[in-house]
Protein backbone atom coordinates (compact mmCIF):
# COMPACT_ATOMS: atom_id res chain seq x y z
CA MET A 1 20.82 51.68 29.65
CA ARG A 2 17.58 53.29 28.51
CA ASN A 3 18.88 53.43 24.92
CA ILE A 4 19.72 49.72 25.00
CA PHE A 5 16.21 48.90 26.28
CA MET A 6 14.58 51.05 23.58
CA ASN A 7 16.66 49.39 20.87
CA ILE A 8 15.54 45.95 22.06
CA ILE A 9 11.87 47.02 22.01
CA ARG A 10 12.31 48.60 18.57
CA ASN A 11 13.91 45.42 17.19
CA ILE A 12 11.06 43.29 18.55
CA LEU A 13 8.44 45.58 17.01
CA ASN A 14 10.29 45.67 13.68
CA SER A 15 10.55 41.88 13.70
CA ARG A 16 6.81 41.52 14.33
CA SER A 17 6.01 44.08 11.67
CA GLU A 18 8.18 42.26 9.13
CA LYS A 19 6.58 38.92 10.05
CA ASN A 20 3.07 40.37 9.66
CA GLY A 21 4.09 41.92 6.35
CA ASN A 22 5.34 38.59 5.00
CA PHE A 23 2.18 36.83 6.18
CA PHE A 24 -0.01 39.56 4.62
CA ILE A 25 1.74 39.15 1.26
CA ALA A 26 1.49 35.34 1.42
CA ILE A 27 -2.26 35.48 2.10
CA GLN A 28 -2.81 38.12 -0.60
CA ASN A 29 -1.01 35.92 -3.14
CA ILE A 30 -3.19 32.94 -2.23
CA VAL A 31 -6.62 34.62 -2.09
CA GLY A 32 -6.09 37.23 -4.80
CA PHE A 33 -7.08 40.32 -2.79
CA LYS A 34 -5.84 42.39 0.14
CA PRO A 35 -7.00 41.08 3.53
CA ARG A 36 -8.66 43.67 5.74
CA THR A 37 -8.53 41.92 9.11
CA LEU A 38 -5.36 39.86 9.29
CA ARG A 39 -6.21 38.20 12.62
CA TYR A 40 -8.87 36.02 10.96
CA TYR A 41 -6.22 34.58 8.65
CA LYS A 42 -3.71 34.19 11.48
CA LYS A 43 -6.32 32.18 13.36
CA ALA A 44 -6.96 30.08 10.24
CA PHE A 45 -3.33 28.94 10.36
CA THR A 46 -2.97 28.43 14.13
CA HIS A 47 -2.91 24.83 15.32
CA ARG A 48 -4.40 23.89 18.69
CA SER A 49 -0.93 22.79 19.89
CA MET A 50 -0.07 26.50 20.29
CA ASN A 51 -2.53 26.57 23.25
CA LEU A 52 -3.50 30.18 22.58
CA LYS A 53 -6.56 31.87 24.09
CA ASP A 54 -8.20 35.25 23.63
CA ASN A 55 -9.02 37.66 26.49
CA LYS A 56 -12.29 35.78 27.09
CA GLY A 57 -10.56 32.45 27.45
CA ASN A 58 -11.69 31.10 24.06
CA ALA A 59 -9.26 28.90 22.16
CA ILE A 60 -7.47 30.48 19.20
CA ASN A 61 -7.03 27.87 16.47
CA TYR A 62 -8.43 27.01 13.06
CA GLU A 63 -11.01 24.40 14.10
CA ARG A 64 -14.08 26.66 14.30
CA LEU A 65 -13.08 28.41 11.07
CA GLU A 66 -12.79 24.98 9.46
CA PHE A 67 -16.45 24.34 10.35
CA LEU A 68 -17.50 27.70 8.90
CA GLY A 69 -15.44 27.23 5.74
CA ASP A 70 -16.93 23.80 5.16
CA ALA A 71 -20.43 25.32 5.24
CA MET A 72 -19.46 28.14 2.86
CA LEU A 73 -17.79 25.74 0.43
CA SER A 74 -20.79 23.40 0.38
CA SER A 75 -23.13 26.35 -0.19
CA VAL A 76 -21.20 27.76 -3.14
CA ILE A 77 -20.70 24.36 -4.77
CA ALA A 78 -24.40 23.50 -4.27
CA ALA A 79 -25.47 26.75 -5.95
CA HIS A 80 -23.07 26.15 -8.85
CA LEU A 81 -24.35 22.62 -9.46
CA PHE A 82 -27.98 23.74 -9.08
CA ASN A 83 -27.48 26.32 -11.84
CA GLU A 84 -25.28 24.20 -14.11
CA VAL A 85 -27.34 20.99 -14.00
CA PRO A 86 -31.03 22.03 -14.11
CA GLU A 87 -32.09 18.46 -14.89
CA GLY A 88 -30.30 16.99 -11.84
CA ASN A 89 -32.49 15.74 -8.99
CA GLU A 90 -31.66 16.09 -5.29
CA GLY A 91 -29.86 12.76 -5.06
CA TYR A 92 -27.72 13.50 -8.12
CA LEU A 93 -26.79 17.00 -6.92
CA THR A 94 -25.92 15.72 -3.44
CA LYS A 95 -23.68 13.01 -4.88
CA MET A 96 -21.94 15.46 -7.21
CA ARG A 97 -21.35 17.97 -4.41
CA SER A 98 -19.83 15.19 -2.29
CA LYS A 99 -17.36 14.48 -5.08
CA VAL A 100 -16.25 18.11 -5.26
CA VAL A 101 -15.85 18.57 -1.50
CA SER A 102 -14.46 15.11 -0.76
CA ARG A 103 -11.68 15.00 1.82
CA LYS A 104 -9.25 13.70 -0.80
CA HIS A 105 -9.99 16.63 -3.13
CA LEU A 106 -9.73 19.24 -0.36
CA ASN A 107 -6.40 17.78 0.74
CA GLU A 108 -5.11 18.09 -2.82
CA LEU A 109 -6.27 21.73 -2.98
CA GLY A 110 -4.56 22.56 0.31
CA LYS A 111 -1.38 20.88 -0.88
CA ASP A 112 -1.39 22.71 -4.20
CA LEU A 113 -1.63 26.05 -2.35
CA LYS A 114 1.13 24.97 0.10
CA LEU A 115 -1.01 26.12 3.02
CA ILE A 116 0.94 24.04 5.53
CA ASP A 117 3.91 26.38 5.02
CA LEU A 118 1.96 29.07 6.92
CA ILE A 119 0.80 26.97 9.88
CA GLN A 120 1.81 27.99 13.42
CA THR A 121 2.31 24.85 15.48
CA ASN A 122 4.29 23.33 18.32
CA ILE A 123 4.16 19.95 16.58
CA PRO A 124 6.64 19.07 13.82
CA LYS A 125 4.90 19.36 10.45
CA SER A 126 6.14 15.88 9.55
CA GLN A 127 3.83 14.46 12.22
CA PHE A 128 0.65 15.84 10.68
CA GLY A 129 -1.70 13.52 8.80
CA VAL A 130 -2.71 14.28 5.22
CA ASN A 131 -6.05 15.80 6.30
CA VAL A 132 -4.35 18.91 7.67
CA HIS A 133 -4.15 20.27 4.10
CA GLY A 134 -7.91 20.12 3.61
CA ASN A 135 -8.57 21.43 7.12
CA LEU A 136 -6.46 24.52 6.44
CA PHE A 137 -8.20 25.05 3.10
CA GLU A 138 -11.61 25.08 4.80
CA ALA A 139 -10.32 27.34 7.59
CA LEU A 140 -9.00 29.78 4.99
CA ILE A 141 -12.46 29.97 3.39
CA GLY A 142 -13.93 30.62 6.84
CA ALA A 143 -11.47 33.48 7.35
CA ILE A 144 -12.36 34.96 3.96
CA TYR A 145 -16.04 34.92 4.90
CA LEU A 146 -15.42 36.74 8.19
CA ASP A 147 -13.09 39.23 6.54
CA ARG A 148 -14.96 40.02 3.32
CA GLY A 149 -18.31 38.21 3.30
CA TYR A 150 -20.03 35.69 1.05
CA SER A 151 -19.28 37.33 -2.31
CA TYR A 152 -15.51 37.13 -1.76
CA CYS A 153 -15.89 33.51 -0.61
CA GLU A 154 -17.79 32.74 -3.76
CA ARG A 155 -15.16 34.39 -5.94
CA PHE A 156 -12.27 32.55 -4.26
CA ILE A 157 -14.04 29.17 -4.54
CA GLU A 158 -14.88 29.89 -8.17
CA GLU A 159 -11.22 30.63 -8.97
CA ALA A 160 -9.58 28.00 -6.73
CA VAL A 161 -12.02 25.11 -7.04
CA ILE A 162 -14.76 25.41 -9.67
CA SER A 163 -12.94 26.80 -12.72
CA PRO A 164 -9.88 24.53 -12.56
CA TYR A 165 -11.42 21.35 -11.16
CA VAL A 166 -15.21 21.10 -11.53
CA ASP A 167 -16.06 19.39 -14.81
CA ILE A 168 -19.53 17.82 -14.73
CA GLU A 169 -18.77 14.94 -17.13
CA SER A 170 -15.56 14.00 -15.32
CA LEU A 171 -17.27 14.16 -11.95
CA GLU A 172 -20.07 11.87 -13.08
CA GLY A 173 -17.56 9.09 -13.73
CA GLN A 174 -15.57 9.69 -10.55
CA VAL A 175 -15.88 7.27 -7.64
CA ILE A 176 -15.42 8.73 -4.14
CA SER A 177 -15.78 5.51 -2.18
CA TYR A 178 -15.65 2.06 -3.75
CA LYS A 179 -16.91 0.60 -0.48
CA SER A 180 -20.06 2.77 -0.54
CA LEU A 181 -20.64 2.02 -4.21
CA LEU A 182 -20.25 -1.71 -3.67
CA ILE A 183 -22.54 -1.75 -0.63
CA GLU A 184 -25.16 0.21 -2.58
CA TRP A 185 -24.95 -2.30 -5.43
CA CYS A 186 -25.18 -5.30 -3.08
CA GLN A 187 -28.22 -3.84 -1.35
CA LYS A 188 -29.90 -3.07 -4.67
CA GLU A 189 -29.24 -6.58 -6.00
CA LYS A 190 -30.09 -8.19 -2.62
CA LYS A 191 -26.62 -9.69 -2.22
CA SER A 192 -25.09 -10.26 1.22
CA PHE A 193 -21.71 -8.69 1.91
CA HIS A 194 -19.25 -8.91 4.77
CA PHE A 195 -15.77 -7.57 5.54
CA GLU A 196 -13.74 -10.13 7.48
CA ILE A 197 -10.57 -9.15 9.35
CA TYR A 198 -7.98 -11.91 9.36
CA GLU A 199 -4.43 -12.27 10.67
CA ASP A 200 -1.87 -10.25 8.75
CA THR A 201 1.33 -12.21 8.21
CA GLY A 202 3.35 -9.34 6.77
CA LYS A 203 6.58 -8.25 8.45
CA ASP A 204 6.19 -4.50 7.94
CA GLU A 205 7.46 -2.18 10.68
CA VAL A 206 4.07 -0.42 10.68
CA LYS A 207 1.11 -2.59 11.74
CA HIS A 208 -1.12 -3.63 8.84
CA PHE A 209 -4.68 -4.95 8.73
CA ALA A 210 -5.79 -7.71 6.38
CA VAL A 211 -9.36 -7.87 5.03
CA LYS A 212 -11.41 -10.36 3.02
CA LEU A 213 -14.55 -9.14 1.28
CA ARG A 214 -17.27 -11.73 0.96
CA ILE A 215 -20.28 -11.34 -1.34
CA ASN A 216 -22.93 -14.04 -1.00
CA ASP A 217 -20.46 -15.82 1.33
CA LYS A 218 -17.82 -16.04 -1.40
CA VAL A 219 -14.45 -14.27 -1.03
CA VAL A 220 -14.24 -11.89 -3.97
CA ALA A 221 -11.30 -9.70 -2.89
CA LYS A 222 -8.52 -9.39 -0.32
CA ALA A 223 -6.44 -6.39 0.73
CA ARG A 224 -4.10 -5.13 3.42
CA ALA A 225 -3.36 -1.59 4.59
CA THR A 226 -2.32 0.43 7.64
CA SER A 227 -5.92 0.77 8.87
CA LYS A 228 -9.10 -1.31 8.67
CA LYS A 229 -10.85 1.49 6.80
CA LYS A 230 -8.13 1.69 4.14
CA ALA A 231 -8.00 -2.11 3.79
CA GLU A 232 -11.78 -2.29 3.32
CA GLU A 233 -11.68 0.46 0.68
CA LYS A 234 -8.81 -1.27 -1.11
CA ALA A 235 -10.67 -4.61 -1.13
CA SER A 236 -13.83 -2.87 -2.34
CA LYS A 237 -11.92 -1.26 -5.21
CA ARG A 238 -10.60 -4.65 -6.31
CA ALA A 239 -14.09 -6.14 -6.09
CA TYR A 240 -15.53 -3.23 -8.07
CA PHE A 241 -13.17 -3.85 -10.99
CA ALA A 242 -14.02 -7.56 -10.85
CA PHE A 243 -17.74 -6.75 -11.19
CA GLN A 244 -17.41 -3.42 -13.04
CA LYS A 245 -19.47 -4.28 -16.12
CA ARG A 246 -22.37 -5.59 -14.03
CA ILE A 247 -22.21 -2.71 -11.52
CA ASP A 248 -22.05 0.01 -14.18
CA LYS A 249 -24.96 -1.58 -16.04
CA GLU A 250 -27.17 -2.06 -12.96
CA MET A 251 -26.42 1.14 -10.99
């Protein structure tokens, strides 16, 4: 009986050891160095649905690491832009940093690294929204900072973000939000603007929202999407291309 019990314990320990070993290798392949404290990285890939707590009753999930990683990422990108564009003023540098760390870009980075494959969750992965990819990317940076400090964070961001994706000329022509750009243009040119929600007559299974964009009380674009925010952005994009020559000249 005792031998059976010991074999069960041994199998459990071996299973955990193998799981940790696989996770260690996966993280090492992603970050490019050997992790020292694996629990930081485990936390970076633990979703709140696991309902885990430490011995002090604090929640164990990636949300606080996401906050820390966001700060580290912004800091490294800000320093890079500050050094690379000495002629850029505060407004220019802020706008350029926003383009690099935009939610869309971070989601793409997280997807490229397949970070969702490592997540521990009690929710089916198919139910996650697209932002989970960017959240995990930020949490990973937070874990790197706790494990190895700022210099390792800087190196990882340089290799994963700056070298392959940050091109100053390309960024200058990149639009993060057509809605923000259009509103800025309208305010500068003293034009009134208004997004009007109207009844959506589509027969899609998923509820859609329909939006009209009025500039100086004239409808200049219409759009529909699965949320008001997406519909407004879509309408703004259409309006931007309608006024592109004037906007690019005056902004």
